[in-house]
N, C-alpha and C. Protein backbone atom coordinates (compact mmCIF):
# COMPACT_ATOMS: atom_id res chain seq x y z
N MET A 1 18.25 42.47 -8.47
CA MET A 1 18.45 41.11 -7.99
C MET A 1 18.50 40.13 -9.16
N THR A 2 19.27 39.09 -8.99
CA THR A 2 19.38 38.07 -10.03
C THR A 2 18.32 36.99 -9.83
N LEU A 3 18.15 36.19 -10.84
CA LEU A 3 17.20 35.07 -10.78
C LEU A 3 17.51 34.16 -9.61
N ILE A 4 18.77 33.85 -9.40
CA ILE A 4 19.17 32.96 -8.32
C ILE A 4 18.79 33.55 -6.96
N GLU A 5 18.84 34.85 -6.84
CA GLU A 5 18.50 35.50 -5.57
C GLU A 5 17.00 35.56 -5.33
N THR A 6 16.21 35.54 -6.38
CA THR A 6 14.76 35.68 -6.22
C THR A 6 14.00 34.36 -6.26
N MET A 7 14.63 33.30 -6.73
CA MET A 7 13.92 32.03 -6.82
C MET A 7 13.99 31.28 -5.49
N GLU A 8 13.09 30.33 -5.34
CA GLU A 8 13.10 29.45 -4.17
C GLU A 8 13.21 28.01 -4.65
N ILE A 9 13.94 27.21 -3.89
CA ILE A 9 14.05 25.78 -4.19
C ILE A 9 13.46 25.04 -3.01
N THR A 10 12.46 24.22 -3.30
CA THR A 10 11.70 23.60 -2.23
C THR A 10 11.11 22.27 -2.69
N GLN A 11 10.56 21.55 -1.74
CA GLN A 11 9.82 20.33 -2.07
C GLN A 11 8.52 20.76 -2.75
N ALA A 12 8.18 20.07 -3.82
CA ALA A 12 6.98 20.41 -4.58
C ALA A 12 5.72 20.12 -3.78
N THR A 13 4.67 20.87 -4.11
CA THR A 13 3.34 20.62 -3.58
C THR A 13 2.43 20.32 -4.77
N LYS A 14 1.22 19.94 -4.49
CA LYS A 14 0.28 19.65 -5.57
C LYS A 14 -0.01 20.89 -6.40
N ALA A 15 0.17 22.07 -5.84
CA ALA A 15 -0.03 23.31 -6.59
C ALA A 15 1.01 23.48 -7.70
N ASP A 16 2.12 22.73 -7.62
CA ASP A 16 3.19 22.82 -8.61
C ASP A 16 3.04 21.85 -9.77
N ILE A 17 2.06 20.97 -9.71
CA ILE A 17 1.94 19.89 -10.70
C ILE A 17 1.88 20.42 -12.13
N ASP A 18 1.04 21.36 -12.42
CA ASP A 18 0.92 21.86 -13.80
C ASP A 18 2.24 22.45 -14.30
N GLY A 19 2.93 23.19 -13.43
CA GLY A 19 4.21 23.78 -13.82
C GLY A 19 5.28 22.74 -14.08
N ILE A 20 5.30 21.70 -13.26
CA ILE A 20 6.26 20.62 -13.46
C ILE A 20 5.98 19.91 -14.78
N LEU A 21 4.73 19.56 -15.00
CA LEU A 21 4.37 18.84 -16.23
C LEU A 21 4.61 19.67 -17.48
N ALA A 22 4.52 20.99 -17.35
CA ALA A 22 4.71 21.87 -18.52
C ALA A 22 6.12 21.80 -19.09
N ILE A 23 7.11 21.43 -18.28
CA ILE A 23 8.49 21.37 -18.78
C ILE A 23 9.00 19.95 -18.99
N GLN A 24 8.17 18.95 -18.74
CA GLN A 24 8.60 17.56 -18.86
C GLN A 24 9.02 17.17 -20.28
N SER A 25 8.37 17.73 -21.28
CA SER A 25 8.73 17.36 -22.66
C SER A 25 10.16 17.78 -22.99
N GLN A 26 10.72 18.72 -22.25
CA GLN A 26 12.09 19.18 -22.52
C GLN A 26 13.14 18.18 -22.07
N ILE A 27 12.79 17.27 -21.18
CA ILE A 27 13.74 16.26 -20.74
C ILE A 27 13.42 14.89 -21.32
N TYR A 28 12.15 14.59 -21.47
CA TYR A 28 11.77 13.24 -21.90
C TYR A 28 11.58 13.10 -23.40
N ARG A 29 11.71 14.16 -24.15
CA ARG A 29 11.60 14.10 -25.61
C ARG A 29 10.27 13.46 -26.04
N ILE A 30 9.20 13.96 -25.45
CA ILE A 30 7.86 13.47 -25.77
C ILE A 30 7.00 14.61 -26.28
N ASP A 31 6.01 14.27 -27.07
CA ASP A 31 5.11 15.29 -27.60
C ASP A 31 3.92 15.55 -26.68
N THR A 32 3.40 14.48 -26.08
CA THR A 32 2.25 14.62 -25.19
C THR A 32 2.47 13.78 -23.94
N LEU A 33 1.86 14.22 -22.86
CA LEU A 33 1.92 13.48 -21.61
C LEU A 33 0.77 12.49 -21.54
N PRO A 34 0.95 11.38 -20.84
CA PRO A 34 -0.17 10.46 -20.68
C PRO A 34 -1.27 11.09 -19.82
N LYS A 35 -2.47 10.60 -19.96
CA LYS A 35 -3.62 11.16 -19.24
C LYS A 35 -3.46 11.09 -17.72
N ASN A 36 -2.71 10.13 -17.24
CA ASN A 36 -2.56 9.95 -15.80
C ASN A 36 -1.30 10.62 -15.23
N ALA A 37 -0.64 11.46 -15.99
CA ALA A 37 0.61 12.09 -15.54
C ALA A 37 0.42 12.90 -14.26
N ALA A 38 -0.62 13.70 -14.19
CA ALA A 38 -0.86 14.52 -13.00
C ALA A 38 -1.14 13.65 -11.77
N GLU A 39 -1.89 12.57 -11.97
CA GLU A 39 -2.20 11.66 -10.86
C GLU A 39 -0.93 10.99 -10.34
N ILE A 40 -0.09 10.54 -11.26
CA ILE A 40 1.17 9.90 -10.87
C ILE A 40 2.04 10.89 -10.11
N LEU A 41 2.16 12.11 -10.63
CA LEU A 41 2.98 13.12 -9.97
C LEU A 41 2.42 13.47 -8.59
N SER A 42 1.12 13.55 -8.48
CA SER A 42 0.48 13.80 -7.18
C SER A 42 0.84 12.71 -6.17
N ASP A 43 0.80 11.46 -6.61
CA ASP A 43 1.16 10.34 -5.74
C ASP A 43 2.63 10.41 -5.32
N LEU A 44 3.50 10.81 -6.25
CA LEU A 44 4.93 10.92 -5.93
C LEU A 44 5.18 12.04 -4.92
N ILE A 45 4.46 13.13 -5.05
CA ILE A 45 4.61 14.24 -4.10
C ILE A 45 4.25 13.78 -2.69
N GLU A 46 3.29 12.87 -2.58
CA GLU A 46 2.85 12.35 -1.28
C GLU A 46 3.70 11.17 -0.77
N SER A 47 4.54 10.61 -1.61
CA SER A 47 5.28 9.40 -1.28
C SER A 47 6.45 9.66 -0.33
N ASP A 48 6.70 8.70 0.57
CA ASP A 48 7.87 8.76 1.44
C ASP A 48 9.12 8.28 0.71
N ASN A 49 8.96 7.61 -0.43
CA ASN A 49 10.08 7.05 -1.17
C ASN A 49 10.56 7.96 -2.30
N CYS A 50 10.04 9.17 -2.35
CA CYS A 50 10.39 10.10 -3.42
C CYS A 50 10.26 11.53 -2.90
N THR A 51 11.18 12.37 -3.33
CA THR A 51 11.04 13.81 -3.09
C THR A 51 11.00 14.49 -4.45
N VAL A 52 9.98 15.27 -4.68
CA VAL A 52 9.87 16.06 -5.90
C VAL A 52 10.34 17.46 -5.52
N ILE A 53 11.37 17.92 -6.21
CA ILE A 53 12.00 19.20 -5.87
C ILE A 53 11.78 20.16 -7.04
N VAL A 54 11.46 21.41 -6.70
CA VAL A 54 11.25 22.43 -7.72
C VAL A 54 12.04 23.69 -7.39
N ALA A 55 12.43 24.39 -8.44
CA ALA A 55 12.95 25.76 -8.33
C ALA A 55 11.87 26.64 -8.95
N LYS A 56 11.46 27.67 -8.21
CA LYS A 56 10.37 28.53 -8.67
C LYS A 56 10.75 29.99 -8.47
N GLU A 57 10.17 30.81 -9.33
CA GLU A 57 10.24 32.25 -9.15
C GLU A 57 8.83 32.80 -9.32
N ASN A 58 8.38 33.53 -8.32
CA ASN A 58 7.03 34.10 -8.34
C ASN A 58 5.97 33.03 -8.64
N GLY A 59 6.15 31.84 -8.10
CA GLY A 59 5.19 30.76 -8.28
C GLY A 59 5.32 29.99 -9.58
N THR A 60 6.20 30.40 -10.47
CA THR A 60 6.40 29.71 -11.74
C THR A 60 7.52 28.69 -11.60
N VAL A 61 7.24 27.45 -11.99
CA VAL A 61 8.25 26.39 -11.93
C VAL A 61 9.28 26.61 -13.03
N LEU A 62 10.53 26.73 -12.62
CA LEU A 62 11.64 26.92 -13.55
C LEU A 62 12.39 25.62 -13.81
N SER A 63 12.37 24.74 -12.82
CA SER A 63 13.15 23.52 -12.87
C SER A 63 12.53 22.51 -11.91
N SER A 64 12.71 21.23 -12.21
CA SER A 64 12.20 20.20 -11.31
C SER A 64 13.01 18.93 -11.43
N ALA A 65 12.87 18.08 -10.43
CA ALA A 65 13.54 16.79 -10.42
C ALA A 65 12.81 15.86 -9.47
N LEU A 66 12.92 14.57 -9.76
CA LEU A 66 12.40 13.52 -8.88
C LEU A 66 13.59 12.81 -8.26
N LEU A 67 13.54 12.60 -6.95
CA LEU A 67 14.61 11.90 -6.25
C LEU A 67 13.97 10.71 -5.53
N PHE A 68 14.26 9.52 -6.03
CA PHE A 68 13.72 8.28 -5.46
C PHE A 68 14.74 7.67 -4.50
N TYR A 69 14.25 7.00 -3.46
CA TYR A 69 15.12 6.38 -2.48
C TYR A 69 14.93 4.87 -2.53
N LEU A 70 16.02 4.16 -2.79
CA LEU A 70 15.99 2.70 -2.92
C LEU A 70 16.89 2.11 -1.85
N LEU A 71 16.28 1.40 -0.90
CA LEU A 71 17.01 0.81 0.21
C LEU A 71 17.79 -0.42 -0.27
N ILE A 72 19.09 -0.44 0.00
CA ILE A 72 19.96 -1.51 -0.46
C ILE A 72 20.47 -2.31 0.75
N PRO A 73 20.09 -3.58 0.88
CA PRO A 73 20.48 -4.37 2.05
C PRO A 73 22.00 -4.43 2.28
N ALA A 74 22.77 -4.56 1.23
CA ALA A 74 24.22 -4.69 1.38
C ALA A 74 24.87 -3.44 1.97
N HIS A 75 24.20 -2.30 1.85
CA HIS A 75 24.72 -1.06 2.42
C HIS A 75 23.98 -0.65 3.69
N GLY A 76 22.81 -1.23 3.91
CA GLY A 76 22.02 -0.90 5.08
C GLY A 76 21.42 0.49 5.04
N LYS A 77 21.42 1.07 3.86
CA LYS A 77 20.83 2.40 3.68
C LYS A 77 20.49 2.58 2.20
N PRO A 78 19.78 3.65 1.89
CA PRO A 78 19.34 3.84 0.51
C PRO A 78 20.37 4.53 -0.37
N TYR A 79 20.14 4.40 -1.66
CA TYR A 79 20.79 5.31 -2.59
C TYR A 79 19.69 6.13 -3.23
N ALA A 80 20.07 7.28 -3.77
CA ALA A 80 19.11 8.17 -4.42
C ALA A 80 19.21 7.98 -5.92
N LEU A 81 18.06 7.82 -6.55
CA LEU A 81 17.98 7.73 -8.00
C LEU A 81 17.35 9.03 -8.49
N LEU A 82 18.13 9.81 -9.19
CA LEU A 82 17.67 11.09 -9.73
C LEU A 82 17.03 10.83 -11.08
N GLU A 83 15.84 11.36 -11.26
CA GLU A 83 15.10 11.15 -12.50
C GLU A 83 14.49 12.46 -12.97
N GLY A 84 14.54 12.69 -14.26
CA GLY A 84 13.81 13.79 -14.88
C GLY A 84 14.24 15.18 -14.45
N MET A 85 15.51 15.37 -14.13
CA MET A 85 15.98 16.71 -13.75
C MET A 85 15.95 17.59 -15.00
N VAL A 86 15.22 18.70 -14.93
CA VAL A 86 15.08 19.57 -16.09
C VAL A 86 15.03 21.03 -15.64
N VAL A 87 15.69 21.87 -16.43
CA VAL A 87 15.60 23.32 -16.29
C VAL A 87 14.92 23.83 -17.56
N ASP A 88 13.94 24.68 -17.40
CA ASP A 88 13.26 25.24 -18.57
C ASP A 88 14.29 25.79 -19.55
N LYS A 89 14.17 25.41 -20.80
CA LYS A 89 15.17 25.78 -21.82
C LYS A 89 15.32 27.29 -21.97
N ASN A 90 14.33 28.06 -21.59
CA ASN A 90 14.38 29.52 -21.73
C ASN A 90 15.25 30.21 -20.69
N ILE A 91 15.66 29.46 -19.64
CA ILE A 91 16.49 30.09 -18.60
C ILE A 91 17.75 29.29 -18.28
N ARG A 92 18.13 28.38 -19.13
CA ARG A 92 19.35 27.60 -18.89
C ARG A 92 20.57 28.51 -18.95
N GLY A 93 21.59 28.13 -18.20
CA GLY A 93 22.84 28.89 -18.19
C GLY A 93 22.84 30.03 -17.18
N LYS A 94 21.82 30.10 -16.34
CA LYS A 94 21.73 31.20 -15.36
C LYS A 94 21.94 30.72 -13.92
N GLY A 95 22.35 29.45 -13.75
CA GLY A 95 22.64 28.94 -12.41
C GLY A 95 21.51 28.20 -11.74
N VAL A 96 20.37 28.11 -12.39
CA VAL A 96 19.21 27.44 -11.79
C VAL A 96 19.51 25.95 -11.59
N GLY A 97 20.05 25.29 -12.61
CA GLY A 97 20.36 23.87 -12.51
C GLY A 97 21.39 23.57 -11.44
N THR A 98 22.40 24.41 -11.34
CA THR A 98 23.42 24.22 -10.30
C THR A 98 22.80 24.35 -8.92
N ALA A 99 21.98 25.35 -8.73
CA ALA A 99 21.32 25.54 -7.43
C ALA A 99 20.41 24.36 -7.11
N LEU A 100 19.67 23.87 -8.10
CA LEU A 100 18.78 22.74 -7.88
C LEU A 100 19.60 21.50 -7.53
N MET A 101 20.69 21.25 -8.24
CA MET A 101 21.51 20.07 -7.95
C MET A 101 22.12 20.14 -6.56
N LYS A 102 22.52 21.30 -6.11
CA LYS A 102 23.05 21.43 -4.75
C LYS A 102 21.98 21.06 -3.73
N LYS A 103 20.75 21.45 -3.98
CA LYS A 103 19.64 21.08 -3.10
C LYS A 103 19.40 19.57 -3.15
N ILE A 104 19.45 18.98 -4.33
CA ILE A 104 19.26 17.54 -4.50
C ILE A 104 20.32 16.78 -3.71
N ILE A 105 21.56 17.20 -3.81
CA ILE A 105 22.66 16.55 -3.08
C ILE A 105 22.41 16.67 -1.57
N ALA A 106 21.98 17.83 -1.12
CA ALA A 106 21.70 18.03 0.31
C ALA A 106 20.56 17.14 0.78
N VAL A 107 19.49 17.06 0.00
CA VAL A 107 18.34 16.23 0.38
C VAL A 107 18.75 14.75 0.44
N ALA A 108 19.51 14.29 -0.54
CA ALA A 108 19.97 12.89 -0.53
C ALA A 108 20.82 12.61 0.71
N GLY A 109 21.66 13.56 1.08
CA GLY A 109 22.46 13.41 2.29
C GLY A 109 21.59 13.36 3.54
N GLU A 110 20.59 14.22 3.61
CA GLU A 110 19.67 14.23 4.75
C GLU A 110 18.89 12.92 4.87
N LYS A 111 18.63 12.27 3.75
CA LYS A 111 17.92 10.99 3.75
C LYS A 111 18.85 9.81 4.05
N GLY A 112 20.15 10.08 4.24
CA GLY A 112 21.11 9.04 4.56
C GLY A 112 21.57 8.22 3.37
N CYS A 113 21.41 8.75 2.18
CA CYS A 113 21.81 8.01 0.97
C CYS A 113 23.33 7.93 0.86
N TYR A 114 23.82 6.81 0.35
CA TYR A 114 25.25 6.63 0.20
C TYR A 114 25.75 7.03 -1.20
N LYS A 115 24.82 7.25 -2.15
CA LYS A 115 25.20 7.72 -3.48
C LYS A 115 23.97 8.25 -4.19
N ILE A 116 24.24 8.98 -5.26
CA ILE A 116 23.19 9.43 -6.18
C ILE A 116 23.52 8.87 -7.55
N ASN A 117 22.57 8.22 -8.17
CA ASN A 117 22.72 7.71 -9.53
C ASN A 117 21.69 8.36 -10.44
N PHE A 118 22.01 8.48 -11.70
CA PHE A 118 21.06 8.93 -12.71
C PHE A 118 21.60 8.53 -14.06
N THR A 119 20.76 8.61 -15.06
CA THR A 119 21.20 8.37 -16.42
C THR A 119 21.05 9.65 -17.22
N SER A 120 21.78 9.70 -18.31
CA SER A 120 21.71 10.84 -19.21
C SER A 120 21.95 10.32 -20.62
N GLY A 121 21.19 10.83 -21.56
CA GLY A 121 21.36 10.41 -22.95
C GLY A 121 22.79 10.64 -23.42
N LYS A 122 23.34 9.67 -24.13
CA LYS A 122 24.74 9.77 -24.55
C LYS A 122 25.00 10.92 -25.50
N ASP A 123 23.96 11.49 -26.07
CA ASP A 123 24.12 12.60 -27.02
C ASP A 123 24.10 13.97 -26.33
N ARG A 124 24.05 14.02 -25.01
CA ARG A 124 23.93 15.30 -24.29
C ARG A 124 25.26 15.70 -23.65
N ALA A 125 26.24 15.97 -24.46
CA ALA A 125 27.59 16.28 -23.97
C ALA A 125 27.61 17.50 -23.05
N ASP A 126 26.87 18.54 -23.37
CA ASP A 126 26.84 19.72 -22.51
C ASP A 126 26.28 19.39 -21.13
N THR A 127 25.28 18.54 -21.09
CA THR A 127 24.70 18.11 -19.82
C THR A 127 25.71 17.30 -19.02
N HIS A 128 26.46 16.44 -19.69
CA HIS A 128 27.47 15.63 -19.00
C HIS A 128 28.53 16.54 -18.39
N LYS A 129 28.95 17.56 -19.11
CA LYS A 129 29.94 18.51 -18.60
C LYS A 129 29.39 19.23 -17.37
N PHE A 130 28.11 19.61 -17.40
CA PHE A 130 27.45 20.25 -16.27
C PHE A 130 27.57 19.37 -15.02
N TYR A 131 27.21 18.09 -15.15
CA TYR A 131 27.26 17.18 -14.01
C TYR A 131 28.69 16.95 -13.53
N GLU A 132 29.62 16.82 -14.44
CA GLU A 132 31.02 16.62 -14.05
C GLU A 132 31.55 17.85 -13.30
N ASN A 133 31.14 19.04 -13.70
CA ASN A 133 31.55 20.25 -12.99
C ASN A 133 31.02 20.29 -11.56
N LEU A 134 29.95 19.56 -11.31
CA LEU A 134 29.38 19.48 -9.96
C LEU A 134 30.02 18.36 -9.12
N GLY A 135 30.94 17.60 -9.73
CA GLY A 135 31.63 16.54 -8.99
C GLY A 135 31.17 15.13 -9.29
N PHE A 136 30.19 14.97 -10.18
CA PHE A 136 29.75 13.64 -10.56
C PHE A 136 30.76 13.02 -11.52
N LYS A 137 30.87 11.69 -11.47
CA LYS A 137 31.80 10.96 -12.33
C LYS A 137 31.05 10.02 -13.24
N LYS A 138 31.54 9.87 -14.45
CA LYS A 138 30.98 8.84 -15.33
C LYS A 138 31.34 7.50 -14.71
N TRP A 139 30.34 6.62 -14.64
CA TRP A 139 30.54 5.35 -13.95
C TRP A 139 29.70 4.29 -14.64
N GLY A 140 30.32 3.25 -15.10
CA GLY A 140 29.61 2.13 -15.67
C GLY A 140 28.90 2.46 -16.98
N LEU A 141 28.00 1.59 -17.33
CA LEU A 141 27.21 1.71 -18.54
C LEU A 141 25.74 1.54 -18.18
N GLU A 142 24.90 2.12 -18.97
CA GLU A 142 23.47 1.90 -18.79
C GLU A 142 23.04 0.85 -19.81
N PHE A 143 22.32 -0.15 -19.35
CA PHE A 143 21.72 -1.12 -20.24
C PHE A 143 20.22 -0.93 -20.16
N ARG A 144 19.59 -1.00 -21.28
CA ARG A 144 18.17 -0.66 -21.33
C ARG A 144 17.44 -1.61 -22.26
N MET A 145 16.22 -1.92 -21.86
CA MET A 145 15.30 -2.65 -22.72
C MET A 145 13.96 -1.93 -22.63
N ASP A 146 13.51 -1.36 -23.72
CA ASP A 146 12.23 -0.69 -23.74
C ASP A 146 11.11 -1.72 -23.75
N LEU A 147 10.17 -1.57 -22.84
CA LEU A 147 9.03 -2.45 -22.75
C LEU A 147 7.78 -1.72 -23.16
N LYS A 148 6.78 -2.43 -23.59
CA LYS A 148 5.54 -1.80 -24.02
C LYS A 148 4.76 -1.27 -22.87
């Protein structure tokens, strides 16, 4: 059996917190997590405005993503903001990310979202190609101001 056949993609539980946090540095380019990271993630797992999705094999988190729902009055429904989608660097290229993204798209549709937005570092060309192969389009520009 292949990895894709043996893994499960599901909504995260609090039992997944350590596994999710273990791969966060691979997406956020950080050396250490803040002391309250587990508490924040626990709150997000319980939130109605966010779905934390994981791909796991034998209980080990291989990939994770946060999907936030932002209600927009002009559309009368939410859009989904995808944040922190990461596949463990040791298993990239095996279809895990594609499977996770298909689940993310399905969940956003089930929540009645009219679009999915996310940002990606401009230096991640391979990642951009991955998203484009899934049907996402480059749209607009990201403007950012880092705050303390």
